[in-house]
PDB file of N, CA and C in Angstrom:
ATOM      1  N   MET A   1       0.926  -1.234  -0.020  1.00  0.00           N
ATOM      2  CA  MET A   1      -0.002  -0.017   0.081  1.00  0.00           C
ATOM      3  C   MET A   1       0.932   1.262  -0.041  1.00  0.00           C
ATOM      4  N   GLN A   2       1.936   1.259   0.712  1.00  0.00           N
ATOM      5  CA  GLN A   2       2.874   2.221   0.777  1.00  0.00           C
ATOM      6  C   GLN A   2       3.368   2.716  -0.635  1.00  0.00           C
ATOM      7  N   LYS A   3       3.735   1.778  -1.402  1.00  0.00           N
ATOM      8  CA  LYS A   3       4.273   2.011  -2.805  1.00  0.00           C
ATOM      9  C   LYS A   3       3.180   2.463  -3.745  1.00  0.00           C
ATOM     10  N   LEU A   4       1.982   1.966  -3.541  1.00  0.00           N
ATOM     11  CA  LEU A   4       0.867   2.349  -4.319  1.00  0.00           C
ATOM     12  C   LEU A   4       0.286   3.747  -4.121  1.00  0.00           C
ATOM     13  N   THR A   5       0.601   4.234  -2.872  1.00  0.00           N
ATOM     14  CA  THR A   5      -0.043   5.543  -2.441  1.00  0.00           C
ATOM     15  C   THR A   5       1.105   6.557  -2.476  1.00  0.00           C
ATOM     16  N   ASP A   6       2.396   6.183  -2.882  1.00  0.00           N
ATOM     17  CA  ASP A   6       3.379   7.118  -2.916  1.00  0.00           C
ATOM     18  C   ASP A   6       3.209   8.073  -4.172  1.00  0.00           C
ATOM     19  N   ARG A   7       3.038   9.329  -4.019  1.00  0.00           N
ATOM     20  CA  ARG A   7       2.829  10.250  -5.112  1.00  0.00           C
ATOM     21  C   ARG A   7       4.095  10.614  -5.840  1.00  0.00           C
ATOM     22  N   ARG A   8       5.137  10.394  -5.286  1.00  0.00           N
ATOM     23  CA  ARG A   8       6.395  10.704  -6.111  1.00  0.00           C
ATOM     24  C   ARG A   8       6.853   9.652  -7.203  1.00  0.00           C
ATOM     25  N   ARG A   9       6.412   8.492  -6.860  1.00  0.00           N
ATOM     26  CA  ARG A   9       6.585   7.257  -7.831  1.00  0.00           C
ATOM     27  C   ARG A   9       5.291   6.732  -8.211  1.00  0.00           C
ATOM     28  N   SER A  10       5.212   6.456  -9.534  1.00  0.00           N
ATOM     29  CA  SER A  10       4.048   5.715 -10.046  1.00  0.00           C
ATOM     30  C   SER A  10       4.111   4.212 -10.100  1.00  0.00           C
ATOM     31  N   THR A  11       3.401   3.593  -9.270  1.00  0.00           N
ATOM     32  CA  THR A  11       3.534   2.099  -9.177  1.00  0.00           C
ATOM     33  C   THR A  11       2.026   1.568  -9.668  1.00  0.00           C
ATOM     34  N   LYS A  12       2.077   0.668 -10.600  1.00  0.00           N
ATOM     35  CA  LYS A  12       0.801   0.226 -11.008  1.00  0.00           C
ATOM     36  C   LYS A  12       0.439  -1.087 -10.302  1.00  0.00           C
ATOM     37  N   CYS A  13      -0.953  -1.209 -10.279  1.00  0.00           N
ATOM     38  CA  CYS A  13      -1.485  -2.631  -9.704  1.00  0.00           C
ATOM     39  C   CYS A  13      -2.509  -3.088 -10.607  1.00  0.00           C
ATOM     40  N   VAL A  14      -2.400  -4.450 -10.814  1.00  0.00           N
ATOM     41  CA  VAL A  14      -3.247  -5.045 -11.751  1.00  0.00           C
ATOM     42  C   VAL A  14      -4.172  -5.961 -10.968  1.00  0.00           C
ATOM     43  N   VAL A  15      -5.572  -5.761 -11.083  1.00  0.00           N
ATOM     44  CA  VAL A  15      -6.629  -6.502 -10.525  1.00  0.00           C
ATOM     45  C   VAL A  15      -7.097  -7.362 -11.574  1.00  0.00           C
ATOM     46  N   TYR A  16      -6.977  -8.733 -11.412  1.00  0.00           N
ATOM     47  CA  TYR A  16      -7.400  -9.556 -12.473  1.00  0.00           C
ATOM     48  C   TYR A  16      -8.505 -10.368 -11.965  1.00  0.00           C
ATOM     49  N   GLY A  17      -9.792 -10.337 -12.601  1.00  0.00           N
ATOM     50  CA  GLY A  17     -10.981 -11.128 -12.321  1.00  0.00           C
ATOM     51  C   GLY A  17     -12.157 -10.337 -12.834  1.00  0.00           C
ATOM     52  N   ARG A  18     -13.322 -11.106 -12.753  1.00  0.00           N
ATOM     53  CA  ARG A  18     -14.614 -10.680 -13.122  1.00  0.00           C
ATOM     54  C   ARG A  18     -15.765 -10.649 -12.093  1.00  0.00           C
ATOM     55  N   THR A  19     -15.358 -11.080 -10.986  1.00  0.00           N
ATOM     56  CA  THR A  19     -16.213 -11.215  -9.911  1.00  0.00           C
ATOM     57  C   THR A  19     -16.417 -10.008  -9.001  1.00  0.00           C
ATOM     58  N   LEU A  20     -17.360 -10.110  -8.224  1.00  0.00           N
ATOM     59  CA  LEU A  20     -17.596  -8.828  -7.323  1.00  0.00           C
ATOM     60  C   LEU A  20     -16.440  -8.483  -6.441  1.00  0.00           C
ATOM     61  N   ASN A  21     -15.578  -9.469  -6.071  1.00  0.00           N
ATOM     62  CA  ASN A  21     -14.388  -9.334  -5.230  1.00  0.00           C
ATOM     63  C   ASN A  21     -13.428  -8.305  -6.071  1.00  0.00           C
ATOM     64  N   SER A  22     -13.457  -8.364  -7.336  1.00  0.00           N
ATOM     65  CA  SER A  22     -12.542  -7.548  -8.082  1.00  0.00           C
ATOM     66  C   SER A  22     -12.984  -6.110  -8.048  1.00  0.00           C
ATOM     67  N   PHE A  23     -14.177  -5.836  -7.981  1.00  0.00           N
ATOM     68  CA  PHE A  23     -14.754  -4.470  -8.056  1.00  0.00           C
ATOM     69  C   PHE A  23     -14.643  -3.914  -6.679  1.00  0.00           C
ATOM     70  N   ALA A  24     -14.736  -4.883  -5.659  1.00  0.00           N
ATOM     71  CA  ALA A  24     -14.700  -4.283  -4.132  1.00  0.00           C
ATOM     72  C   ALA A  24     -13.179  -4.023  -3.965  1.00  0.00           C
ATOM     73  N   LEU A  25     -12.321  -4.767  -4.558  1.00  0.00           N
ATOM     74  CA  LEU A  25     -10.817  -4.479  -4.360  1.00  0.00           C
ATOM     75  C   LEU A  25     -10.525  -3.119  -4.870  1.00  0.00           C
ATOM     76  N   ILE A  26     -11.046  -2.813  -6.101  1.00  0.00           N
ATOM     77  CA  ILE A  26     -10.806  -1.502  -6.716  1.00  0.00           C
ATOM     78  C   ILE A  26     -11.396  -0.453  -5.823  1.00  0.00           C
ATOM     79  N   GLN A  27     -12.487  -0.507  -5.376  1.00  0.00           N
ATOM     80  CA  GLN A  27     -13.127   0.465  -4.425  1.00  0.00           C
ATOM     81  C   GLN A  27     -12.254   0.595  -3.273  1.00  0.00           C
ATOM     82  N   GLY A  28     -11.827  -0.421  -2.596  1.00  0.00           N
ATOM     83  CA  GLY A  28     -10.815  -0.420  -1.588  1.00  0.00           C
ATOM     84  C   GLY A  28      -9.547   0.331  -1.793  1.00  0.00           C
ATOM     85  N   LEU A  29      -8.932   0.017  -2.944  1.00  0.00           N
ATOM     86  CA  LEU A  29      -7.756   0.750  -3.298  1.00  0.00           C
ATOM     87  C   LEU A  29      -7.987   2.152  -3.482  1.00  0.00           C
ATOM     88  N   LEU A  30      -9.044   2.514  -3.981  1.00  0.00           N
ATOM     89  CA  LEU A  30      -9.444   3.942  -4.217  1.00  0.00           C
ATOM     90  C   LEU A  30      -9.703   4.618  -2.825  1.00  0.00           C
ATOM     91  N   ASP A  31     -10.352   3.983  -2.000  1.00  0.00           N
ATOM     92  CA  ASP A  31     -10.713   4.431  -0.714  1.00  0.00           C
ATOM     93  C   ASP A  31      -9.336   4.655   0.186  1.00  0.00           C
ATOM     94  N   ARG A  32      -8.338   3.885  -0.104  1.00  0.00           N
ATOM     95  CA  ARG A  32      -7.083   3.984   0.609  1.00  0.00           C
ATOM     96  C   ARG A  32      -6.190   5.026  -0.086  1.00  0.00           C
ATOM     97  N   GLY A  33      -6.521   5.640  -1.075  1.00  0.00           N
ATOM     98  CA  GLY A  33      -5.614   6.582  -1.641  1.00  0.00           C
ATOM     99  C   GLY A  33      -4.866   6.356  -2.837  1.00  0.00           C
ATOM    100  N   VAL A  34      -5.082   5.176  -3.440  1.00  0.00           N
ATOM    101  CA  VAL A  34      -4.398   4.710  -4.535  1.00  0.00           C
ATOM    102  C   VAL A  34      -5.018   5.461  -5.833  1.00  0.00           C
ATOM    103  N   SER A  35      -4.205   6.187  -6.486  1.00  0.00           N
ATOM    104  CA  SER A  35      -4.614   6.863  -7.695  1.00  0.00           C
ATOM    105  C   SER A  35      -5.278   5.945  -8.769  1.00  0.00           C
ATOM    106  N   ALA A  36      -6.357   6.344  -9.319  1.00  0.00           N
ATOM    107  CA  ALA A  36      -7.014   5.486 -10.284  1.00  0.00           C
ATOM    108  C   ALA A  36      -6.165   5.170 -11.469  1.00  0.00           C
ATOM    109  N   LYS A  37      -5.265   6.149 -11.813  1.00  0.00           N
ATOM    110  CA  LYS A  37      -4.610   5.869 -13.026  1.00  0.00           C
ATOM    111  C   LYS A  37      -3.490   4.899 -12.790  1.00  0.00           C
ATOM    112  N   ASN A  38      -3.248   4.473 -11.588  1.00  0.00           N
ATOM    113  CA  ASN A  38      -2.349   3.425 -11.334  1.00  0.00           C
ATOM    114  C   ASN A  38      -3.001   1.975 -11.095  1.00  0.00           C
ATOM    115  N   ILE A  39      -4.334   1.836 -11.417  1.00  0.00           N
ATOM    116  CA  ILE A  39      -5.055   0.648 -11.275  1.00  0.00           C
ATOM    117  C   ILE A  39      -5.409   0.156 -12.721  1.00  0.00           C
ATOM    118  N   ILE A  40      -5.073  -1.155 -12.971  1.00  0.00           N
ATOM    119  CA  ILE A  40      -5.525  -1.674 -14.218  1.00  0.00           C
ATOM    120  C   ILE A  40      -6.458  -2.833 -13.720  1.00  0.00           C
ATOM    121  N   LEU A  41      -7.614  -2.949 -14.483  1.00  0.00           N
ATOM    122  CA  LEU A  41      -8.493  -4.024 -14.296  1.00  0.00           C
ATOM    123  C   LEU A  41      -8.625  -4.841 -15.418  1.00  0.00           C
ATOM    124  N   ALA A  42      -8.111  -6.132 -15.353  1.00  0.00           N
ATOM    125  CA  ALA A  42      -7.963  -7.100 -16.336  1.00  0.00           C
ATOM    126  C   ALA A  42      -9.132  -7.995 -16.224  1.00  0.00           C
ATOM    127  N   ILE A  43     -10.066  -8.021 -17.121  1.00  0.00           N
ATOM    128  CA  ILE A  43     -11.365  -8.905 -16.974  1.00  0.00           C
ATOM    129  C   ILE A  43     -11.062  -9.982 -18.056  1.00  0.00           C
ATOM    130  N   PRO A  44     -11.005 -11.234 -17.485  1.00  0.00           N
ATOM    131  CA  PRO A  44     -10.740 -12.328 -18.358  1.00  0.00           C
ATOM    132  C   PRO A  44     -12.194 -12.819 -19.009  1.00  0.00           C
ATOM    133  N   ARG A  45     -11.850 -13.579 -20.120  1.00  0.00           N
ATOM    134  CA  ARG A  45     -13.176 -14.042 -20.878  1.00  0.00           C
ATOM    135  C   ARG A  45     -13.673 -15.108 -19.782  1.00  0.00           C
ATOM    136  N   ILE A  46     -14.868 -15.443 -19.743  1.00  0.00           N
ATOM    137  CA  ILE A  46     -15.670 -16.239 -19.009  1.00  0.00           C
ATOM    138  C   ILE A  46     -15.106 -17.651 -18.791  1.00  0.00           C
ATOM    139  N   ASN A  47     -14.846 -18.183 -20.116  1.00  0.00           N
ATOM    140  CA  ASN A  47     -14.266 -19.627 -20.137  1.00  0.00           C
ATOM    141  C   ASN A  47     -12.792 -19.634 -20.325  1.00  0.00           C
ATOM    142  N   CYS A  48     -11.989 -18.706 -19.957  1.00  0.00           N
ATOM    143  CA  CYS A  48     -10.557 -18.586 -20.196  1.00  0.00           C
ATOM    144  C   CYS A  48      -9.793 -19.754 -19.561  1.00  0.00           C
ATOM    145  N   HIS A  49     -10.415 -20.221 -18.430  1.00  0.00           N
ATOM    146  CA  HIS A  49      -9.645 -21.207 -17.636  1.00  0.00           C
ATOM    147  C   HIS A  49     -10.149 -22.713 -17.805  1.00  0.00           C
ATOM    148  N   VAL A  50     -10.865 -22.898 -18.771  1.00  0.00           N
ATOM    149  CA  VAL A  50     -11.558 -24.109 -19.054  1.00  0.00           C
ATOM    150  C   VAL A  50     -11.091 -24.689 -20.285  1.00  0.00           C
ATOM    151  N   ASN A  51     -10.612 -26.028 -20.201  1.00  0.00           N
ATOM    152  CA  ASN A  51      -9.986 -26.585 -21.325  1.00  0.00           C
ATOM    153  C   ASN A  51     -11.060 -27.699 -21.941  1.00  0.00           C
ATOM    154  N   GLU A  52     -12.016 -27.175 -22.425  1.00  0.00           N
ATOM    155  CA  GLU A  52     -12.984 -28.085 -23.239  1.00  0.00           C
ATOM    156  C   GLU A  52     -13.643 -29.162 -22.468  1.00  0.00           C
ATOM    157  N   ASP A  53     -13.734 -28.891 -21.141  1.00  0.00           N
ATOM    158  CA  ASP A  53     -14.392 -29.858 -20.279  1.00  0.00           C
ATOM    159  C   ASP A  53     -15.944 -29.465 -20.169  1.00  0.00           C
ATOM    160  N   GLU A  54     -16.730 -30.268 -20.714  1.00  0.00           N
ATOM    161  CA  GLU A  54     -18.184 -29.815 -20.934  1.00  0.00           C
ATOM    162  C   GLU A  54     -18.873 -29.675 -19.574  1.00  0.00           C
ATOM    163  N   GLU A  55     -18.633 -30.469 -18.728  1.00  0.00           N
ATOM    164  CA  GLU A  55     -19.122 -30.614 -17.346  1.00  0.00           C
ATOM    165  C   GLU A  55     -18.820 -29.241 -16.604  1.00  0.00           C
ATOM    166  N   LEU A  56     -17.701 -28.912 -16.650  1.00  0.00           N
ATOM    167  CA  LEU A  56     -17.032 -27.691 -15.964  1.00  0.00           C
ATOM    168  C   LEU A  56     -17.682 -26.479 -16.583  1.00  0.00           C
ATOM    169  N   THR A  57     -17.651 -26.476 -17.997  1.00  0.00           N
ATOM    170  CA  THR A  57     -18.325 -25.303 -18.632  1.00  0.00           C
ATOM    171  C   THR A  57     -19.742 -25.045 -18.291  1.00  0.00           C
ATOM    172  N   GLU A  58     -20.508 -26.151 -17.971  1.00  0.00           N
ATOM    173  CA  GLU A  58     -21.866 -25.962 -17.584  1.00  0.00           C
ATOM    174  C   GLU A  58     -22.008 -25.335 -16.010  1.00  0.00           C
ATOM    175  N   GLU A  59     -21.040 -25.666 -15.277  1.00  0.00           N
ATOM    176  CA  GLU A  59     -20.907 -25.148 -14.048  1.00  0.00           C
ATOM    177  C   GLU A  59     -20.192 -23.781 -13.747  1.00  0.00           C
ATOM    178  N   LEU A  60     -19.720 -23.403 -14.818  1.00  0.00           N
ATOM    179  CA  LEU A  60     -18.848 -22.184 -14.675  1.00  0.00           C
ATOM    180  C   LEU A  60     -19.446 -20.952 -14.153  1.00  0.00           C
ATOM    181  N   PRO A  61     -20.808 -20.657 -14.633  1.00  0.00           N
ATOM    182  CA  PRO A  61     -21.400 -19.515 -13.993  1.00  0.00           C
ATOM    183  C   PRO A  61     -21.571 -19.663 -12.355  1.00  0.00           C
ATOM    184  N   ILE A  62     -21.604 -20.885 -11.879  1.00  0.00           N
ATOM    185  CA  ILE A  62     -21.751 -21.010 -10.345  1.00  0.00           C
ATOM    186  C   ILE A  62     -20.295 -20.920  -9.798  1.00  0.00           C
ATOM    187  N   ILE A  63     -19.335 -21.482 -10.399  1.00  0.00           N
ATOM    188  CA  ILE A  63     -17.938 -21.365  -9.852  1.00  0.00           C
ATOM    189  C   ILE A  63     -17.261 -20.012 -10.101  1.00  0.00           C
ATOM    190  N   TYR A  64     -17.503 -19.506 -11.092  1.00  0.00           N
ATOM    191  CA  TYR A  64     -16.934 -18.077 -11.464  1.00  0.00           C
ATOM    192  C   TYR A  64     -17.794 -17.226 -11.935  1.00  0.00           C
ATOM    193  N   PRO A  65     -18.763 -16.791 -11.140  1.00  0.00           N
ATOM    194  CA  PRO A  65     -19.862 -15.846 -11.592  1.00  0.00           C
ATOM    195  C   PRO A  65     -19.471 -14.502 -11.950  1.00  0.00           C
ATOM    196  N   ASN A  66     -20.293 -13.892 -12.866  1.00  0.00           N
ATOM    197  CA  ASN A  66     -20.130 -12.521 -13.237  1.00  0.00           C
ATOM    198  C   ASN A  66     -20.431 -11.665 -11.880  1.00  0.00           C
ATOM    199  N   ALA A  67     -19.730 -10.409 -11.868  1.00  0.00           N
ATOM    200  CA  ALA A  67     -20.027  -9.614 -10.819  1.00  0.00           C
ATOM    201  C   ALA A  67     -21.421  -9.073 -10.726  1.00  0.00           C
ATOM    202  N   PHE A  68     -22.069  -8.820 -11.910  1.00  0.00           N
ATOM    203  CA  PHE A  68     -23.340  -8.287 -11.959  1.00  0.00           C
ATOM    204  C   PHE A  68     -24.304  -9.092 -12.950  1.00  0.00           C
ATOM    205  N   GLU A  69     -25.446  -9.291 -12.431  1.00  0.00           N
ATOM    206  CA  GLU A  69     -26.370 -10.047 -13.403  1.00  0.00           C
ATOM    207  C   GLU A  69     -26.924  -9.229 -14.384  1.00  0.00           C
ATOM    208  N   ASP A  70     -27.047  -7.921 -14.183  1.00  0.00           N
ATOM    209  CA  ASP A  70     -27.690  -6.923 -15.227  1.00  0.00           C
ATOM    210  C   ASP A  70     -26.497  -6.463 -16.121  1.00  0.00           C
ATOM    211  N   ALA A  71     -26.511  -6.629 -17.410  1.00  0.00           N
ATOM    212  CA  ALA A  71     -25.571  -6.134 -18.206  1.00  0.00           C
ATOM    213  C   ALA A  71     -25.544  -4.568 -18.348  1.00  0.00           C
ATOM    214  N   ARG A  72     -26.588  -4.127 -18.230  1.00  0.00           N
ATOM    215  CA  ARG A  72     -26.543  -2.427 -18.124  1.00  0.00           C
ATOM    216  C   ARG A  72     -25.980  -1.986 -17.000  1.00  0.00           C
ATOM    217  N   LEU A  73     -26.184  -2.621 -15.772  1.00  0.00           N
ATOM    218  CA  LEU A  73     -25.365  -2.079 -14.687  1.00  0.00           C
ATOM    219  C   LEU A  73     -23.991  -2.401 -14.709  1.00  0.00           C
ATOM    220  N   GLU A  74     -23.581  -3.441 -15.365  1.00  0.00           N
ATOM    221  CA  GLU A  74     -22.168  -3.746 -15.424  1.00  0.00           C
ATOM    222  C   GLU A  74     -21.640  -2.716 -16.306  1.00  0.00           C
ATOM    223  N   GLU A  75     -22.204  -2.258 -17.459  1.00  0.00           N
ATOM    224  CA  GLU A  75     -21.725  -1.208 -18.357  1.00  0.00           C
ATOM    225  C   GLU A  75     -21.587   0.017 -17.806  1.00  0.00           C
ATOM    226  N   LYS A  76     -22.525   0.412 -16.751  1.00  0.00           N
ATOM    227  CA  LYS A  76     -22.474   1.705 -16.142  1.00  0.00           C
ATOM    228  C   LYS A  76     -21.392   1.595 -15.026  1.00  0.00           C
ATOM    229  N   ILE A  77     -21.116   0.494 -14.357  1.00  0.00           N
ATOM    230  CA  ILE A  77     -20.104   0.399 -13.401  1.00  0.00           C
ATOM    231  C   ILE A  77     -18.678   0.479 -14.170  1.00  0.00           C
ATOM    232  N   LEU A  78     -18.617  -0.172 -15.327  1.00  0.00           N
ATOM    233  CA  LEU A  78     -17.289  -0.140 -15.970  1.00  0.00           C
ATOM    234  C   LEU A  78     -17.027   1.276 -16.528  1.00  0.00           C
ATOM    235  N   ALA A  79     -18.143   1.973 -16.979  1.00  0.00           N
ATOM    236  CA  ALA A  79     -17.968   3.191 -17.497  1.00  0.00           C
ATOM    237  C   ALA A  79     -17.458   4.179 -16.414  1.00  0.00           C
ATOM    238  N   TRP A  80     -18.109   4.059 -15.186  1.00  0.00           N
ATOM    239  CA  TRP A  80     -17.771   4.822 -14.048  1.00  0.00           C
ATOM    240  C   TRP A  80     -16.254   4.700 -13.632  1.00  0.00           C
ATOM    241  N   ILE A  81     -15.869   3.310 -13.643  1.00  0.00           N
ATOM    242  CA  ILE A  81     -14.477   2.941 -13.102  1.00  0.00           C
ATOM    243  C   ILE A  81     -13.562   3.615 -14.226  1.00  0.00           C
ATOM    244  N   GLU A  82     -13.881   3.463 -15.503  1.00  0.00           N
ATOM    245  CA  GLU A  82     -13.079   4.067 -16.544  1.00  0.00           C
ATOM    246  C   GLU A  82     -12.980   5.698 -16.499  1.00  0.00           C
ATOM    247  N   ALA A  83     -14.026   6.228 -16.130  1.00  0.00           N
ATOM    248  CA  ALA A  83     -14.047   7.744 -16.008  1.00  0.00           C
ATOM    249  C   ALA A  83     -13.240   8.200 -14.872  1.00  0.00           C
ATOM    250  N   LYS A  84     -13.080   7.323 -13.774  1.00  0.00           N
ATOM    251  CA  LYS A  84     -12.227   7.636 -12.761  1.00  0.00           C
ATOM    252  C   LYS A  84     -10.819   7.707 -13.074  1.00  0.00           C
ATOM    253  N   GLY A  85     -10.487   6.963 -14.077  1.00  0.00           N
ATOM    254  CA  GLY A  85      -9.074   6.768 -14.536  1.00  0.00           C
ATOM    255  C   GLY A  85      -8.545   5.443 -14.561  1.00  0.00           C
ATOM    256  N   VAL A  86      -9.294   4.431 -14.103  1.00  0.00           N
ATOM    257  CA  VAL A  86      -8.753   3.114 -14.051  1.00  0.00           C
ATOM    258  C   VAL A  86      -8.663   2.466 -15.498  1.00  0.00           C
ATOM    259  N   THR A  87      -7.603   1.858 -15.886  1.00  0.00           N
ATOM    260  CA  THR A  87      -7.403   1.232 -17.257  1.00  0.00           C
ATOM    261  C   THR A  87      -8.249  -0.019 -17.235  1.00  0.00           C
ATOM    262  N   LEU A  88      -8.960  -0.247 -18.308  1.00  0.00           N
ATOM    263  CA  LEU A  88      -9.661  -1.492 -18.374  1.00  0.00           C
ATOM    264  C   LEU A  88      -9.085  -2.443 -19.443  1.00  0.00           C
ATOM    265  N   ILE A  89      -9.006  -3.593 -19.309  1.00  0.00           N
ATOM    266  CA  ILE A  89      -8.551  -4.623 -20.249  1.00  0.00           C
ATOM    267  C   ILE A  89      -9.635  -5.652 -20.282  1.00  0.00           C
ATOM    268  N   LYS A  90     -10.372  -5.680 -21.380  1.00  0.00           N
ATOM    269  CA  LYS A  90     -11.637  -6.546 -21.339  1.00  0.00           C
ATOM    270  C   LYS A  90     -11.239  -7.797 -22.123  1.00  0.00           C
ATOM    271  N   GLU A  91     -11.893  -8.967 -21.804  1.00  0.00           N
ATOM    272  CA  GLU A  91     -11.777 -10.240 -22.510  1.00  0.00           C
ATOM    273  C   GLU A  91     -10.280 -10.645 -22.714  1.00  0.00           C
ATOM    274  N   CYS A  92      -9.507 -10.581 -21.772  1.00  0.00           N
ATOM    275  CA  CYS A  92      -8.213 -10.850 -21.723  1.00  0.00           C
ATOM    276  C   CYS A  92      -7.853 -12.393 -21.345  1.00  0.00           C
TER     277      CYS A  92
END
């Protein structure tokens, strides 16, 4: 946290994920004084960790859920995060 909040040096932080925990972590970083321009949110594809396992693919929404059930809400949250200065990398 000390390196991330140091105004003299720019240290980047990558948050990788698509669950609500990822968004909560970003909010926590912002609340603790980390500059939004130093945060990168990397959102993986929903099935990027699955190797053609049909059974696992069916259970993926339960194992690795989206943060938001409503696509419009997700778009608004992502737009708000991006407007704050957080860098978004989608479908990585």
